[in-house]
């Protein structure tokens, strides 16, 4: 079965950096576009970034452009989100996502808190 396991979250001061990881299994990772989303309490889940299956294309939400970088390792079935210059408004639970056979799959999420 499809499994997504996020890690790398934590508490960081504004201006700092974190690197999130999402280990994937149960599907042909190299054949799927991967996504990162985030959710803050009381808000809808927000799309952050996507990366095409063959590393040929990335897309970012306006809030992430210039600060976040999505990448993937198709050998180790892992997708990453490098987050630089973190801001308090980046505080959220971050999820990775994949659609397989018309079904959306989500990991359990990893908490990112940006605060002094």
N, C-alpha and C. Protein backbone atom coordinates (compact mmCIF):
# COMPACT_ATOMS: atom_id res chain seq x y z
N UNK A 1 0.82 -1.18 0.00
CA UNK A 1 0.00 0.00 0.00
C UNK A 1 0.88 1.25 0.00
N UNK A 2 0.28 2.33 -0.47
CA UNK A 2 1.01 3.60 -0.54
C UNK A 2 1.26 4.12 0.87
N UNK A 3 2.51 4.48 1.11
CA UNK A 3 2.87 5.10 2.40
C UNK A 3 3.74 6.30 2.14
N UNK A 4 3.47 7.37 2.87
CA UNK A 4 4.27 8.59 2.84
C UNK A 4 4.60 8.94 4.28
N UNK A 5 5.88 9.12 4.56
CA UNK A 5 6.31 9.41 5.92
C UNK A 5 7.18 10.67 5.91
N UNK A 6 6.64 11.73 6.49
CA UNK A 6 7.36 13.00 6.53
C UNK A 6 8.23 13.08 7.79
N UNK A 7 9.31 13.83 7.69
CA UNK A 7 10.17 14.09 8.83
C UNK A 7 10.91 15.39 8.61
N UNK A 8 11.58 15.87 9.66
CA UNK A 8 12.42 17.05 9.52
C UNK A 8 11.85 18.33 10.08
N UNK A 9 10.61 18.28 10.55
CA UNK A 9 10.04 19.48 11.13
C UNK A 9 10.65 19.81 12.48
N UNK A 10 10.25 20.95 13.02
CA UNK A 10 10.76 21.34 14.32
C UNK A 10 10.53 22.81 14.58
N UNK A 11 11.20 23.30 15.61
CA UNK A 11 11.11 24.71 15.99
C UNK A 11 12.32 25.44 15.45
N UNK A 12 12.06 26.55 14.77
CA UNK A 12 13.14 27.32 14.17
C UNK A 12 12.84 28.80 14.35
N UNK A 13 13.89 29.58 14.54
CA UNK A 13 13.71 31.03 14.63
C UNK A 13 13.48 31.62 13.26
N UNK A 14 12.80 32.73 13.18
CA UNK A 14 12.65 33.42 11.89
C UNK A 14 14.00 33.67 11.24
N UNK A 15 14.04 33.45 9.93
CA UNK A 15 15.28 33.57 9.17
C UNK A 15 16.07 32.29 9.07
N UNK A 16 15.68 31.29 9.82
CA UNK A 16 16.38 30.02 9.80
C UNK A 16 15.93 29.13 8.66
N UNK A 17 16.48 27.92 8.64
CA UNK A 17 16.21 26.96 7.57
C UNK A 17 15.85 25.61 8.15
N UNK A 18 15.03 24.90 7.42
CA UNK A 18 14.71 23.51 7.73
C UNK A 18 14.62 22.74 6.42
N UNK A 19 14.93 21.46 6.50
CA UNK A 19 14.77 20.58 5.35
C UNK A 19 13.83 19.45 5.71
N UNK A 20 12.70 19.42 5.04
CA UNK A 20 11.73 18.35 5.26
C UNK A 20 11.99 17.21 4.28
N UNK A 21 11.72 16.00 4.73
CA UNK A 21 11.84 14.82 3.89
C UNK A 21 10.53 14.05 3.90
N UNK A 22 10.28 13.36 2.82
CA UNK A 22 9.11 12.50 2.73
C UNK A 22 9.55 11.20 2.05
N UNK A 23 9.55 10.13 2.83
CA UNK A 23 9.92 8.82 2.30
C UNK A 23 8.67 8.13 1.78
N UNK A 24 8.72 7.69 0.53
CA UNK A 24 7.55 7.11 -0.13
C UNK A 24 7.76 5.63 -0.41
N UNK A 25 6.67 4.87 -0.39
CA UNK A 25 6.72 3.46 -0.73
C UNK A 25 5.34 3.02 -1.21
N UNK A 26 5.32 1.87 -1.86
CA UNK A 26 4.05 1.28 -2.28
C UNK A 26 3.59 1.67 -3.66
N UNK A 27 4.39 2.44 -4.38
CA UNK A 27 4.05 2.81 -5.75
C UNK A 27 5.35 3.12 -6.48
N UNK A 28 5.24 3.30 -7.80
CA UNK A 28 6.43 3.60 -8.61
C UNK A 28 6.73 5.08 -8.46
N UNK A 29 7.60 5.38 -7.51
CA UNK A 29 7.87 6.76 -7.13
C UNK A 29 8.33 7.60 -8.31
N UNK A 30 9.21 7.05 -9.14
CA UNK A 30 9.80 7.83 -10.23
C UNK A 30 8.79 8.20 -11.30
N UNK A 31 7.61 7.61 -11.24
CA UNK A 31 6.59 7.89 -12.24
C UNK A 31 5.53 8.89 -11.81
N UNK A 32 5.67 9.46 -10.63
CA UNK A 32 4.61 10.31 -10.08
C UNK A 32 5.12 11.70 -9.72
N UNK A 33 4.28 12.70 -10.04
CA UNK A 33 4.52 14.03 -9.53
C UNK A 33 4.27 14.03 -8.02
N UNK A 34 5.13 14.69 -7.28
CA UNK A 34 4.99 14.76 -5.83
C UNK A 34 4.71 16.21 -5.41
N UNK A 35 4.00 16.34 -4.32
CA UNK A 35 3.58 17.66 -3.86
C UNK A 35 3.84 17.82 -2.37
N UNK A 36 4.04 19.06 -1.96
CA UNK A 36 4.02 19.44 -0.54
C UNK A 36 2.86 20.40 -0.31
N UNK A 37 2.16 20.16 0.77
CA UNK A 37 1.08 21.04 1.24
C UNK A 37 1.35 21.40 2.69
N UNK A 38 0.61 22.39 3.17
CA UNK A 38 0.69 22.71 4.60
C UNK A 38 -0.69 23.13 5.10
N UNK A 39 -0.87 22.97 6.42
CA UNK A 39 -2.14 23.37 7.03
C UNK A 39 -1.86 24.05 8.36
N UNK A 40 -2.51 25.20 8.54
CA UNK A 40 -2.48 25.88 9.83
C UNK A 40 -3.88 25.76 10.45
N UNK A 41 -3.97 25.79 11.77
CA UNK A 41 -5.27 25.62 12.44
C UNK A 41 -6.30 26.60 11.91
N UNK A 42 -7.47 26.09 11.59
CA UNK A 42 -8.56 26.94 11.15
C UNK A 42 -8.53 27.30 9.68
N UNK A 43 -7.54 26.77 8.96
CA UNK A 43 -7.43 27.09 7.55
C UNK A 43 -7.47 25.82 6.71
N UNK A 44 -7.79 26.01 5.42
CA UNK A 44 -7.74 24.90 4.48
C UNK A 44 -6.29 24.51 4.24
N UNK A 45 -6.12 23.26 3.83
CA UNK A 45 -4.78 22.83 3.45
C UNK A 45 -4.33 23.64 2.23
N UNK A 46 -3.10 24.11 2.26
CA UNK A 46 -2.58 25.01 1.23
C UNK A 46 -1.46 24.30 0.45
N UNK A 47 -1.56 24.34 -0.86
CA UNK A 47 -0.50 23.79 -1.70
C UNK A 47 0.75 24.66 -1.59
N UNK A 48 1.92 24.02 -1.50
CA UNK A 48 3.18 24.73 -1.36
C UNK A 48 4.06 24.58 -2.59
N UNK A 49 4.26 23.33 -3.04
CA UNK A 49 5.19 23.11 -4.15
C UNK A 49 4.94 21.74 -4.76
N UNK A 50 5.35 21.60 -6.03
CA UNK A 50 5.25 20.34 -6.75
C UNK A 50 6.50 20.09 -7.55
N UNK A 51 6.80 18.81 -7.78
CA UNK A 51 7.93 18.45 -8.62
C UNK A 51 7.51 17.31 -9.53
N UNK A 52 7.81 17.46 -10.81
CA UNK A 52 7.45 16.44 -11.79
C UNK A 52 8.25 15.16 -11.57
N UNK A 53 7.76 14.10 -12.17
CA UNK A 53 8.31 12.77 -11.90
C UNK A 53 9.78 12.64 -12.29
N UNK A 54 10.17 13.31 -13.37
CA UNK A 54 11.53 13.16 -13.87
C UNK A 54 12.41 14.35 -13.53
N UNK A 55 12.04 15.09 -12.51
CA UNK A 55 12.83 16.26 -12.07
C UNK A 55 12.89 17.37 -13.11
N UNK A 56 12.00 17.33 -14.07
CA UNK A 56 12.08 18.32 -15.14
C UNK A 56 11.29 19.58 -14.87
N UNK A 57 10.51 19.58 -13.83
CA UNK A 57 9.73 20.78 -13.59
C UNK A 57 9.31 20.91 -12.15
N UNK A 58 9.35 22.14 -11.66
CA UNK A 58 8.89 22.44 -10.31
C UNK A 58 7.95 23.64 -10.36
N UNK A 59 7.05 23.69 -9.41
CA UNK A 59 6.14 24.81 -9.28
C UNK A 59 6.01 25.15 -7.81
N UNK A 60 5.79 26.44 -7.54
CA UNK A 60 5.72 26.91 -6.16
C UNK A 60 4.57 27.87 -5.97
N UNK A 61 3.98 27.81 -4.79
CA UNK A 61 3.04 28.85 -4.39
C UNK A 61 3.80 30.17 -4.25
N UNK A 62 3.09 31.26 -4.41
CA UNK A 62 3.74 32.56 -4.29
C UNK A 62 4.44 32.71 -2.93
N UNK A 63 3.85 32.14 -1.90
CA UNK A 63 4.41 32.26 -0.56
C UNK A 63 5.75 31.52 -0.42
N UNK A 64 6.00 30.58 -1.33
CA UNK A 64 7.21 29.76 -1.25
C UNK A 64 8.29 30.18 -2.24
N UNK A 65 7.92 30.91 -3.26
CA UNK A 65 8.88 31.27 -4.30
C UNK A 65 10.05 32.06 -3.74
N UNK A 66 11.26 31.65 -4.14
CA UNK A 66 12.45 32.35 -3.72
C UNK A 66 12.98 31.92 -2.36
N UNK A 67 12.19 31.16 -1.61
CA UNK A 67 12.63 30.73 -0.28
C UNK A 67 12.67 29.21 -0.13
N UNK A 68 11.75 28.52 -0.79
CA UNK A 68 11.64 27.06 -0.68
C UNK A 68 12.13 26.41 -1.97
N UNK A 69 12.70 25.22 -1.83
CA UNK A 69 13.12 24.43 -2.99
C UNK A 69 12.66 23.00 -2.81
N UNK A 70 11.90 22.51 -3.77
CA UNK A 70 11.49 21.11 -3.75
C UNK A 70 12.44 20.31 -4.63
N UNK A 71 12.78 19.12 -4.17
CA UNK A 71 13.66 18.25 -4.94
C UNK A 71 13.27 16.80 -4.64
N UNK A 72 13.85 15.89 -5.42
CA UNK A 72 13.52 14.48 -5.21
C UNK A 72 14.70 13.60 -5.53
N UNK A 73 14.70 12.44 -4.91
CA UNK A 73 15.72 11.41 -5.14
C UNK A 73 14.97 10.17 -5.58
N UNK A 74 14.99 9.90 -6.87
CA UNK A 74 14.24 8.77 -7.41
C UNK A 74 14.91 7.42 -7.15
N UNK A 75 16.11 7.44 -6.62
CA UNK A 75 16.76 6.18 -6.22
C UNK A 75 16.28 5.78 -4.82
N UNK A 76 16.20 6.77 -3.94
CA UNK A 76 15.80 6.49 -2.56
C UNK A 76 14.34 6.79 -2.27
N UNK A 77 13.58 7.11 -3.33
CA UNK A 77 12.13 7.33 -3.20
C UNK A 77 11.80 8.37 -2.13
N UNK A 78 12.47 9.49 -2.22
CA UNK A 78 12.28 10.54 -1.23
C UNK A 78 12.11 11.89 -1.91
N UNK A 79 11.20 12.68 -1.38
CA UNK A 79 11.03 14.05 -1.85
C UNK A 79 11.38 14.98 -0.69
N UNK A 80 11.99 16.11 -1.01
CA UNK A 80 12.48 17.04 -0.01
C UNK A 80 11.84 18.42 -0.20
N UNK A 81 11.82 19.16 0.88
CA UNK A 81 11.45 20.57 0.81
C UNK A 81 12.45 21.35 1.66
N UNK A 82 13.35 22.04 0.98
CA UNK A 82 14.31 22.91 1.65
C UNK A 82 13.64 24.27 1.86
N UNK A 83 13.56 24.68 3.12
CA UNK A 83 12.89 25.93 3.45
C UNK A 83 13.90 26.88 4.07
N UNK A 84 14.15 28.00 3.41
CA UNK A 84 15.08 29.01 3.89
C UNK A 84 14.34 30.29 4.25
N UNK A 85 15.03 31.12 5.00
CA UNK A 85 14.45 32.40 5.41
C UNK A 85 13.03 32.23 5.95
N UNK A 86 12.90 31.32 6.89
CA UNK A 86 11.57 30.99 7.43
C UNK A 86 10.96 32.19 8.12
N UNK A 87 9.63 32.26 8.00
CA UNK A 87 8.86 33.34 8.60
C UNK A 87 7.83 32.75 9.56
N UNK A 88 7.37 33.52 10.53
CA UNK A 88 6.35 32.99 11.45
C UNK A 88 5.12 32.46 10.72
N UNK A 89 4.77 33.07 9.60
CA UNK A 89 3.59 32.60 8.86
C UNK A 89 3.80 31.27 8.15
N UNK A 90 5.03 30.75 8.19
CA UNK A 90 5.29 29.41 7.66
C UNK A 90 4.95 28.33 8.68
N UNK A 91 4.60 28.72 9.89
CA UNK A 91 4.22 27.76 10.91
C UNK A 91 3.00 26.98 10.45
N UNK A 92 3.14 25.65 10.40
CA UNK A 92 2.07 24.79 9.90
C UNK A 92 2.50 23.34 10.05
N UNK A 93 1.55 22.45 9.80
CA UNK A 93 1.88 21.05 9.60
C UNK A 93 2.07 20.85 8.11
N UNK A 94 3.20 20.28 7.74
CA UNK A 94 3.54 20.08 6.34
C UNK A 94 3.31 18.62 5.96
N UNK A 95 2.67 18.43 4.80
CA UNK A 95 2.31 17.10 4.32
C UNK A 95 2.86 16.89 2.92
N UNK A 96 3.31 15.70 2.64
CA UNK A 96 3.55 15.38 1.24
C UNK A 96 2.36 14.61 0.69
N UNK A 97 2.24 14.65 -0.62
CA UNK A 97 1.04 14.15 -1.28
C UNK A 97 1.39 13.53 -2.61
N UNK A 98 0.66 12.48 -2.95
CA UNK A 98 0.78 11.88 -4.27
C UNK A 98 -0.61 11.36 -4.66
N UNK A 99 -0.88 11.41 -5.95
CA UNK A 99 -2.11 10.82 -6.46
C UNK A 99 -1.75 9.55 -7.22
N UNK A 100 -2.32 8.45 -6.78
CA UNK A 100 -2.08 7.16 -7.42
C UNK A 100 -3.43 6.54 -7.71
N UNK A 101 -3.66 6.18 -8.97
CA UNK A 101 -4.92 5.54 -9.37
C UNK A 101 -6.12 6.34 -8.89
N UNK A 102 -6.11 7.63 -9.17
CA UNK A 102 -7.20 8.56 -8.87
C UNK A 102 -7.45 8.76 -7.38
N UNK A 103 -6.54 8.30 -6.54
CA UNK A 103 -6.68 8.45 -5.10
C UNK A 103 -5.56 9.34 -4.57
N UNK A 104 -5.93 10.32 -3.75
CA UNK A 104 -4.93 11.16 -3.11
C UNK A 104 -4.44 10.50 -1.83
N UNK A 105 -3.13 10.44 -1.68
CA UNK A 105 -2.54 9.89 -0.47
C UNK A 105 -1.77 10.99 0.26
N UNK A 106 -1.83 10.92 1.59
CA UNK A 106 -1.17 11.90 2.44
C UNK A 106 -0.37 11.21 3.52
N UNK A 107 0.73 11.85 3.91
CA UNK A 107 1.45 11.36 5.06
C UNK A 107 0.80 11.88 6.33
N UNK A 108 1.45 11.60 7.46
CA UNK A 108 0.91 12.01 8.75
C UNK A 108 1.24 13.47 9.06
N UNK A 109 2.16 14.03 8.31
CA UNK A 109 2.54 15.43 8.49
C UNK A 109 3.69 15.61 9.47
N UNK A 110 4.37 16.73 9.32
CA UNK A 110 5.44 17.10 10.25
C UNK A 110 5.25 18.57 10.62
N UNK A 111 5.33 18.85 11.90
CA UNK A 111 5.05 20.19 12.40
C UNK A 111 6.27 21.10 12.23
N UNK A 112 6.05 22.25 11.65
CA UNK A 112 7.07 23.30 11.56
C UNK A 112 6.56 24.50 12.34
N UNK A 113 7.36 24.94 13.29
CA UNK A 113 7.01 26.12 14.08
C UNK A 113 8.14 27.14 13.95
N UNK A 114 7.78 28.34 13.53
CA UNK A 114 8.77 29.41 13.36
C UNK A 114 8.46 30.49 14.38
N UNK A 115 9.35 30.63 15.33
CA UNK A 115 9.09 31.57 16.43
C UNK A 115 10.38 31.86 17.16
N UNK A 116 10.44 33.01 17.81
CA UNK A 116 11.59 33.33 18.65
C UNK A 116 11.49 32.57 19.96
